[in-house]
Amino acid sequence: MASLATTADPPKDTKPGTHIMVAGIVFQMASITVFAVLFGLFVVRSRSSNLPRKNYFLLGATAFSTVTIYIRSIYRTIELAEGWTGYLITREPYFIVLDGIMIVLATGVFNVIHPGWFGLNKVPFNSYATTTEGVNKPSSPPMEETTGVVEGNSG
């Protein structure tokens, strides 16, 4: 179907698709805003807890990543709201800095400050199940070993 749309003469109206894309980016910004508020509350509350000092590096990396994704979302909203012939969409340096580099930074920070270094791998895989009463009890009696011979068919 895409080949039919690209060969249309005259080209079809792209406004509905653009509006859908802008709505998606705005939804992404709203979701990030909710996450940022909840994350901020977590950070404030964790300051009074016994959270290990080194975990604040991970919190900082998460905050940095969130800010860079938010910057990209703002840029993309403005870019698409201007339309396909707008100022921002026709200037590649803005795209490189405000889109590409923001995503590289948002993901790259977790290569420098890797979440696996903060004690998550020290928790036994099945620690919850072994400390919860009744979780490890089998739901049925164990099956008896079989010899592979069916009764009544010995030959």
N, C-alpha and C. Protein backbone atom coordinates (compact mmCIF):
# COMPACT_ATOMS: atom_id res chain seq x y z
N MET A 1 0.81 -1.19 0.00
CA MET A 1 0.00 0.00 0.00
C MET A 1 0.86 1.26 0.00
N ALA A 2 2.04 1.20 0.62
CA ALA A 2 2.90 2.38 0.68
C ALA A 2 3.33 2.79 -0.72
N SER A 3 3.55 1.80 -1.60
CA SER A 3 3.97 2.14 -2.96
C SER A 3 2.86 2.88 -3.70
N LEU A 4 1.61 2.53 -3.42
CA LEU A 4 0.50 3.24 -4.04
C LEU A 4 0.43 4.68 -3.55
N ALA A 5 0.69 4.89 -2.26
CA ALA A 5 0.64 6.24 -1.70
C ALA A 5 1.75 7.12 -2.25
N THR A 6 2.92 6.55 -2.47
CA THR A 6 4.04 7.36 -2.94
C THR A 6 3.92 7.69 -4.43
N THR A 7 3.16 6.90 -5.17
CA THR A 7 3.04 7.16 -6.61
C THR A 7 1.78 7.93 -6.95
N ALA A 8 1.03 8.34 -5.95
CA ALA A 8 -0.22 9.08 -6.20
C ALA A 8 0.09 10.39 -6.89
N ASP A 9 -0.71 10.71 -7.90
CA ASP A 9 -0.52 11.96 -8.63
C ASP A 9 -1.86 12.66 -8.72
N PRO A 10 -2.10 13.73 -8.08
CA PRO A 10 -1.21 14.49 -7.20
C PRO A 10 -1.05 13.78 -5.86
N PRO A 11 0.03 14.12 -5.12
CA PRO A 11 0.26 13.47 -3.82
C PRO A 11 -0.92 13.70 -2.87
N LYS A 12 -1.20 12.69 -2.08
CA LYS A 12 -2.30 12.77 -1.12
C LYS A 12 -1.94 13.72 0.03
N ASP A 13 -2.95 14.13 0.76
CA ASP A 13 -2.77 15.02 1.90
C ASP A 13 -2.07 14.27 3.04
N THR A 14 -0.99 14.84 3.56
CA THR A 14 -0.23 14.20 4.63
C THR A 14 -0.61 14.71 6.01
N LYS A 15 -1.54 15.64 6.08
CA LYS A 15 -1.89 16.23 7.38
C LYS A 15 -2.43 15.23 8.39
N PRO A 16 -3.32 14.30 8.02
CA PRO A 16 -3.80 13.34 9.02
C PRO A 16 -2.66 12.52 9.64
N GLY A 17 -1.74 12.07 8.81
CA GLY A 17 -0.59 11.31 9.33
C GLY A 17 0.29 12.16 10.23
N THR A 18 0.49 13.40 9.84
CA THR A 18 1.29 14.31 10.66
C THR A 18 0.63 14.53 12.02
N HIS A 19 -0.69 14.72 12.02
CA HIS A 19 -1.41 14.93 13.28
C HIS A 19 -1.32 13.69 14.18
N ILE A 20 -1.36 12.52 13.58
CA ILE A 20 -1.23 11.28 14.36
C ILE A 20 0.18 11.20 14.98
N MET A 21 1.19 11.57 14.20
CA MET A 21 2.56 11.56 14.72
C MET A 21 2.74 12.56 15.85
N VAL A 22 2.19 13.76 15.70
CA VAL A 22 2.28 14.77 16.75
C VAL A 22 1.56 14.28 18.01
N ALA A 23 0.40 13.68 17.83
CA ALA A 23 -0.34 13.15 18.98
C ALA A 23 0.48 12.08 19.70
N GLY A 24 1.17 11.24 18.96
CA GLY A 24 2.01 10.21 19.57
C GLY A 24 3.16 10.80 20.36
N ILE A 25 3.79 11.83 19.81
CA ILE A 25 4.90 12.49 20.51
C ILE A 25 4.38 13.21 21.76
N VAL A 26 3.22 13.85 21.66
CA VAL A 26 2.64 14.52 22.83
C VAL A 26 2.28 13.49 23.90
N PHE A 27 1.75 12.34 23.50
CA PHE A 27 1.47 11.27 24.45
C PHE A 27 2.76 10.80 25.12
N GLN A 28 3.82 10.69 24.34
CA GLN A 28 5.12 10.30 24.90
C GLN A 28 5.58 11.33 25.93
N MET A 29 5.43 12.61 25.63
CA MET A 29 5.82 13.66 26.57
C MET A 29 4.99 13.59 27.84
N ALA A 30 3.71 13.33 27.71
CA ALA A 30 2.84 13.21 28.88
C ALA A 30 3.27 12.01 29.74
N SER A 31 3.59 10.91 29.09
CA SER A 31 4.04 9.72 29.81
C SER A 31 5.36 9.98 30.53
N ILE A 32 6.28 10.65 29.86
CA ILE A 32 7.56 10.97 30.47
C ILE A 32 7.36 11.92 31.65
N THR A 33 6.41 12.84 31.52
CA THR A 33 6.14 13.77 32.62
C THR A 33 5.63 13.02 33.85
N VAL A 34 4.73 12.08 33.65
CA VAL A 34 4.23 11.28 34.77
C VAL A 34 5.39 10.49 35.39
N PHE A 35 6.21 9.88 34.54
CA PHE A 35 7.36 9.13 35.05
C PHE A 35 8.30 10.05 35.82
N ALA A 36 8.59 11.24 35.29
CA ALA A 36 9.51 12.17 35.95
C ALA A 36 9.00 12.59 37.32
N VAL A 37 7.70 12.83 37.42
CA VAL A 37 7.13 13.21 38.72
C VAL A 37 7.26 12.06 39.71
N LEU A 38 6.89 10.86 39.29
CA LEU A 38 7.00 9.69 40.18
C LEU A 38 8.45 9.39 40.54
N PHE A 39 9.33 9.53 39.57
CA PHE A 39 10.76 9.31 39.80
C PHE A 39 11.29 10.35 40.79
N GLY A 40 10.88 11.61 40.61
CA GLY A 40 11.29 12.66 41.54
C GLY A 40 10.83 12.38 42.96
N LEU A 41 9.61 11.91 43.11
CA LEU A 41 9.11 11.55 44.43
C LEU A 41 9.93 10.40 45.03
N PHE A 42 10.28 9.44 44.20
CA PHE A 42 11.10 8.33 44.67
C PHE A 42 12.46 8.82 45.16
N VAL A 43 13.08 9.71 44.40
CA VAL A 43 14.40 10.22 44.76
C VAL A 43 14.32 10.98 46.08
N VAL A 44 13.30 11.83 46.22
CA VAL A 44 13.16 12.60 47.46
C VAL A 44 12.95 11.66 48.65
N ARG A 45 12.11 10.66 48.50
CA ARG A 45 11.84 9.73 49.60
C ARG A 45 13.02 8.82 49.88
N SER A 46 13.80 8.49 48.86
CA SER A 46 14.93 7.59 49.07
C SER A 46 16.09 8.28 49.79
N ARG A 47 16.10 9.60 49.80
CA ARG A 47 17.17 10.32 50.50
C ARG A 47 17.13 10.06 51.99
N SER A 48 15.95 9.81 52.54
CA SER A 48 15.84 9.56 53.97
C SER A 48 15.91 8.07 54.30
N SER A 49 16.12 7.22 53.31
CA SER A 49 16.20 5.79 53.56
C SER A 49 17.66 5.37 53.63
N ASN A 50 17.86 4.09 53.73
CA ASN A 50 19.23 3.58 53.79
C ASN A 50 19.72 3.11 52.42
N LEU A 51 19.33 3.79 51.38
CA LEU A 51 19.77 3.46 50.02
C LEU A 51 21.29 3.65 49.94
N PRO A 52 22.01 2.66 49.44
CA PRO A 52 23.47 2.80 49.35
C PRO A 52 23.86 4.04 48.53
N ARG A 53 24.91 4.69 48.98
CA ARG A 53 25.38 5.94 48.35
C ARG A 53 25.65 5.76 46.85
N LYS A 54 26.21 4.61 46.49
CA LYS A 54 26.57 4.39 45.08
C LYS A 54 25.33 4.34 44.18
N ASN A 55 24.17 4.03 44.72
CA ASN A 55 22.96 3.97 43.89
C ASN A 55 22.53 5.34 43.40
N TYR A 56 23.03 6.41 44.03
CA TYR A 56 22.70 7.74 43.56
C TYR A 56 23.29 8.01 42.17
N PHE A 57 24.35 7.30 41.80
CA PHE A 57 24.87 7.41 40.45
C PHE A 57 23.85 6.88 39.44
N LEU A 58 23.22 5.76 39.79
CA LEU A 58 22.19 5.18 38.92
C LEU A 58 20.98 6.11 38.83
N LEU A 59 20.60 6.70 39.95
CA LEU A 59 19.48 7.65 39.93
C LEU A 59 19.82 8.87 39.07
N GLY A 60 21.06 9.34 39.17
CA GLY A 60 21.50 10.46 38.35
C GLY A 60 21.49 10.11 36.86
N ALA A 61 21.93 8.90 36.53
CA ALA A 61 21.92 8.46 35.13
C ALA A 61 20.50 8.37 34.60
N THR A 62 19.59 7.88 35.43
CA THR A 62 18.19 7.78 35.01
C THR A 62 17.59 9.18 34.80
N ALA A 63 17.91 10.10 35.70
CA ALA A 63 17.42 11.48 35.55
C ALA A 63 17.99 12.11 34.28
N PHE A 64 19.28 11.91 34.02
CA PHE A 64 19.91 12.46 32.82
C PHE A 64 19.26 11.89 31.57
N SER A 65 19.04 10.59 31.56
CA SER A 65 18.41 9.94 30.41
C SER A 65 17.00 10.47 30.18
N THR A 66 16.26 10.66 31.26
CA THR A 66 14.90 11.18 31.16
C THR A 66 14.89 12.59 30.57
N VAL A 67 15.81 13.43 31.02
CA VAL A 67 15.89 14.81 30.52
C VAL A 67 16.22 14.82 29.03
N THR A 68 17.16 13.99 28.60
CA THR A 68 17.52 13.99 27.17
C THR A 68 16.36 13.49 26.30
N ILE A 69 15.63 12.50 26.77
CA ILE A 69 14.47 12.02 26.00
C ILE A 69 13.39 13.09 25.98
N TYR A 70 13.24 13.81 27.07
CA TYR A 70 12.25 14.89 27.13
C TYR A 70 12.62 16.01 26.15
N ILE A 71 13.91 16.37 26.09
CA ILE A 71 14.37 17.38 25.12
C ILE A 71 14.05 16.93 23.71
N ARG A 72 14.33 15.67 23.41
CA ARG A 72 14.03 15.14 22.07
C ARG A 72 12.54 15.20 21.77
N SER A 73 11.72 14.87 22.75
CA SER A 73 10.27 14.90 22.54
C SER A 73 9.77 16.32 22.27
N ILE A 74 10.30 17.29 22.98
CA ILE A 74 9.92 18.69 22.73
C ILE A 74 10.32 19.09 21.31
N TYR A 75 11.55 18.74 20.94
CA TYR A 75 12.02 19.06 19.58
C TYR A 75 11.12 18.41 18.53
N ARG A 76 10.83 17.12 18.69
CA ARG A 76 10.03 16.41 17.70
C ARG A 76 8.61 16.98 17.61
N THR A 77 8.05 17.40 18.75
CA THR A 77 6.71 17.99 18.73
C THR A 77 6.71 19.27 17.92
N ILE A 78 7.66 20.14 18.18
CA ILE A 78 7.74 21.40 17.44
C ILE A 78 8.04 21.15 15.97
N GLU A 79 8.97 20.25 15.70
CA GLU A 79 9.36 19.95 14.33
C GLU A 79 8.16 19.46 13.51
N LEU A 80 7.40 18.51 14.05
CA LEU A 80 6.28 17.97 13.30
C LEU A 80 5.09 18.93 13.26
N ALA A 81 4.95 19.74 14.29
CA ALA A 81 3.86 20.72 14.29
C ALA A 81 4.07 21.77 13.19
N GLU A 82 5.31 22.04 12.82
CA GLU A 82 5.60 22.97 11.73
C GLU A 82 5.26 22.39 10.37
N GLY A 83 5.12 21.09 10.28
CA GLY A 83 4.82 20.44 9.00
C GLY A 83 6.09 19.95 8.32
N TRP A 84 5.89 19.32 7.17
CA TRP A 84 7.00 18.68 6.46
C TRP A 84 7.90 19.67 5.72
N THR A 85 7.51 20.91 5.66
CA THR A 85 8.35 21.93 5.03
C THR A 85 8.75 22.99 6.03
N GLY A 86 8.61 22.72 7.32
CA GLY A 86 8.93 23.68 8.36
C GLY A 86 10.42 23.92 8.50
N TYR A 87 10.75 24.89 9.33
CA TYR A 87 12.15 25.29 9.52
C TYR A 87 12.98 24.17 10.12
N LEU A 88 12.52 23.57 11.21
CA LEU A 88 13.34 22.57 11.90
C LEU A 88 13.53 21.29 11.09
N ILE A 89 12.48 20.86 10.41
CA ILE A 89 12.58 19.59 9.69
C ILE A 89 13.46 19.71 8.44
N THR A 90 13.69 20.92 7.98
CA THR A 90 14.53 21.12 6.80
C THR A 90 15.97 21.52 7.16
N ARG A 91 16.30 21.51 8.44
CA ARG A 91 17.65 21.86 8.90
C ARG A 91 18.25 20.66 9.62
N GLU A 92 19.16 19.98 8.95
CA GLU A 92 19.73 18.74 9.48
C GLU A 92 20.50 18.91 10.79
N PRO A 93 21.25 19.99 11.01
CA PRO A 93 21.97 20.11 12.29
C PRO A 93 21.05 20.03 13.51
N TYR A 94 19.85 20.60 13.43
CA TYR A 94 18.91 20.50 14.54
C TYR A 94 18.52 19.05 14.78
N PHE A 95 18.29 18.33 13.70
CA PHE A 95 17.92 16.93 13.81
C PHE A 95 19.04 16.12 14.46
N ILE A 96 20.27 16.35 14.01
CA ILE A 96 21.40 15.59 14.55
C ILE A 96 21.57 15.85 16.05
N VAL A 97 21.53 17.12 16.44
CA VAL A 97 21.78 17.47 17.85
C VAL A 97 20.58 17.13 18.73
N LEU A 98 19.39 17.55 18.33
CA LEU A 98 18.22 17.44 19.20
C LEU A 98 17.49 16.10 19.10
N ASP A 99 17.82 15.30 18.13
CA ASP A 99 17.20 13.98 18.00
C ASP A 99 18.25 12.89 18.20
N GLY A 100 19.18 12.82 17.28
CA GLY A 100 20.17 11.75 17.31
C GLY A 100 21.06 11.75 18.54
N ILE A 101 21.67 12.87 18.84
CA ILE A 101 22.59 12.93 19.97
C ILE A 101 21.85 12.73 21.29
N MET A 102 20.62 13.23 21.38
CA MET A 102 19.86 13.04 22.62
C MET A 102 19.61 11.56 22.90
N ILE A 103 19.30 10.79 21.88
CA ILE A 103 19.07 9.36 22.09
C ILE A 103 20.38 8.63 22.38
N VAL A 104 21.46 9.03 21.71
CA VAL A 104 22.76 8.43 22.00
C VAL A 104 23.15 8.68 23.46
N LEU A 105 22.94 9.90 23.93
CA LEU A 105 23.25 10.23 25.33
C LEU A 105 22.33 9.48 26.29
N ALA A 106 21.04 9.41 25.95
CA ALA A 106 20.06 8.75 26.83
C ALA A 106 20.39 7.28 27.03
N THR A 107 20.87 6.63 26.00
CA THR A 107 21.22 5.21 26.13
C THR A 107 22.68 5.01 26.51
N GLY A 108 23.54 5.89 26.05
CA GLY A 108 24.97 5.77 26.34
C GLY A 108 25.31 5.93 27.80
N VAL A 109 24.55 6.72 28.53
CA VAL A 109 24.82 6.92 29.95
C VAL A 109 24.75 5.59 30.71
N PHE A 110 23.94 4.66 30.22
CA PHE A 110 23.82 3.36 30.89
C PHE A 110 24.93 2.40 30.49
N ASN A 111 25.76 2.77 29.52
CA ASN A 111 26.98 2.01 29.25
C ASN A 111 28.08 2.45 30.20
N VAL A 112 28.05 3.72 30.59
CA VAL A 112 29.03 4.24 31.54
C VAL A 112 28.63 3.89 32.96
N ILE A 113 27.37 4.08 33.29
CA ILE A 113 26.84 3.76 34.62
C ILE A 113 25.86 2.61 34.44
N HIS A 114 26.40 1.41 34.40
CA HIS A 114 25.61 0.23 34.08
C HIS A 114 24.77 -0.20 35.29
N PRO A 115 23.46 -0.43 35.10
CA PRO A 115 22.60 -0.83 36.22
C PRO A 115 23.03 -2.12 36.91
N GLY A 116 23.70 -3.01 36.21
CA GLY A 116 24.14 -4.27 36.78
C GLY A 116 25.21 -4.12 37.84
N TRP A 117 25.84 -2.95 37.92
CA TRP A 117 26.90 -2.73 38.90
C TRP A 117 26.36 -2.31 40.27
N PHE A 118 25.06 -2.23 40.42
CA PHE A 118 24.50 -1.65 41.63
C PHE A 118 23.80 -2.67 42.51
N GLY A 119 24.27 -3.90 42.51
CA GLY A 119 23.79 -4.88 43.45
C GLY A 119 22.61 -5.70 43.01
N LEU A 120 22.07 -5.45 41.84
CA LEU A 120 20.91 -6.22 41.42
C LEU A 120 21.27 -7.68 41.17
N ASN A 121 22.51 -7.93 40.79
CA ASN A 121 22.92 -9.31 40.52
C ASN A 121 23.26 -10.07 41.80
N LYS A 122 23.25 -9.42 42.96
CA LYS A 122 23.57 -10.08 44.22
C LYS A 122 22.33 -10.69 44.88
N VAL A 123 21.15 -10.38 44.37
CA VAL A 123 19.92 -10.92 44.93
C VAL A 123 19.69 -12.28 44.29
N PRO A 124 19.54 -13.34 45.10
CA PRO A 124 19.29 -14.66 44.52
C PRO A 124 18.04 -14.65 43.65
N PHE A 125 18.10 -15.38 42.57
CA PHE A 125 16.99 -15.40 41.62
C PHE A 125 15.69 -15.79 42.28
N ASN A 126 15.75 -16.78 43.14
CA ASN A 126 14.53 -17.33 43.73
C ASN A 126 14.39 -16.90 45.20
N SER A 127 14.94 -15.74 45.58
CA SER A 127 14.96 -15.35 46.99
C SER A 127 13.55 -15.12 47.53
N TYR A 128 12.66 -14.57 46.75
CA TYR A 128 11.31 -14.33 47.24
C TYR A 128 10.59 -15.65 47.48
N ALA A 129 10.72 -16.56 46.55
CA ALA A 129 10.02 -17.85 46.66
C ALA A 129 10.54 -18.67 47.82
N THR A 130 11.83 -18.58 48.14
CA THR A 130 12.37 -19.39 49.23
C THR A 130 12.04 -18.81 50.60
N THR A 131 11.68 -17.53 50.66
CA THR A 131 11.36 -16.93 51.96
C THR A 131 9.86 -16.81 52.19
N THR A 132 9.06 -17.14 51.20
CA THR A 132 7.61 -17.04 51.33
C THR A 132 7.05 -18.41 51.68
N GLU A 133 6.29 -18.45 52.74
CA GLU A 133 5.76 -19.72 53.22
C GLU A 133 4.81 -20.36 52.21
N GLY A 134 5.04 -21.60 51.92
CA GLY A 134 4.13 -22.35 51.07
C GLY A 134 4.36 -22.21 49.58
N VAL A 135 5.26 -21.35 49.15
CA VAL A 135 5.44 -21.15 47.72
C VAL A 135 6.10 -22.35 47.07
N ASN A 136 7.06 -22.97 47.77
CA ASN A 136 7.81 -24.06 47.17
C ASN A 136 7.16 -25.43 47.35
N LYS A 137 6.00 -25.49 47.97
CA LYS A 137 5.32 -26.77 48.14
C LYS A 137 4.75 -27.23 46.80
N PRO A 138 4.97 -28.49 46.45
CA PRO A 138 4.42 -28.97 45.17
C PRO A 138 2.90 -29.00 45.22
N SER A 139 2.28 -28.74 44.10
CA SER A 139 0.82 -28.72 44.03
C SER A 139 0.23 -30.12 43.95
N SER A 140 1.03 -31.10 43.58
CA SER A 140 0.55 -32.49 43.52
C SER A 140 1.69 -33.39 43.98
N PRO A 141 1.38 -34.62 44.40
CA PRO A 141 2.46 -35.51 44.84
C PRO A 141 3.41 -35.79 43.68
N PRO A 142 4.67 -36.06 44.01
CA PRO A 142 5.62 -36.34 42.92
C PRO A 142 5.23 -37.61 42.17
N MET A 143 5.54 -37.61 40.88
CA MET A 143 5.23 -38.77 40.06
C MET A 143 6.19 -39.90 40.39
N GLU A 144 5.66 -41.13 40.37
CA GLU A 144 6.51 -42.28 40.62
C GLU A 144 7.30 -42.60 39.37
N GLU A 145 8.48 -43.16 39.59
CA GLU A 145 9.30 -43.52 38.44
C GLU A 145 8.63 -44.66 37.68
N THR A 146 8.72 -44.64 36.38
CA THR A 146 8.16 -45.70 35.56
C THR A 146 9.27 -46.42 34.84
N THR A 147 9.01 -47.66 34.53
CA THR A 147 10.01 -48.46 33.83
C THR A 147 9.79 -48.44 32.33
N GLY A 148 8.70 -47.87 31.90
CA GLY A 148 8.42 -47.83 30.49
C GLY A 148 7.59 -48.99 30.01
N VAL A 149 7.28 -49.94 30.93
CA VAL A 149 6.48 -51.11 30.58
C VAL A 149 5.05 -50.83 31.00
N VAL A 150 4.12 -51.02 30.09
CA VAL A 150 2.72 -50.82 30.38
C VAL A 150 2.16 -52.11 30.98
N GLU A 151 1.35 -52.00 32.06
CA GLU A 151 0.79 -53.19 32.70
C GLU A 151 -0.03 -53.99 31.70
N GLY A 152 0.08 -55.28 31.80
CA GLY A 152 -0.68 -56.15 30.95
C GLY A 152 -0.08 -56.34 29.57
N ASN A 153 1.03 -55.73 29.31
CA ASN A 153 1.66 -55.84 28.01
C ASN A 153 3.13 -56.15 28.23
N SER A 154 3.40 -57.36 28.65
CA SER A 154 4.78 -57.72 29.00
C SER A 154 5.53 -58.30 27.82
N GLY A 155 4.97 -58.37 26.72
CA GLY A 155 5.65 -59.03 25.65
C GLY A 155 5.74 -58.27 24.45
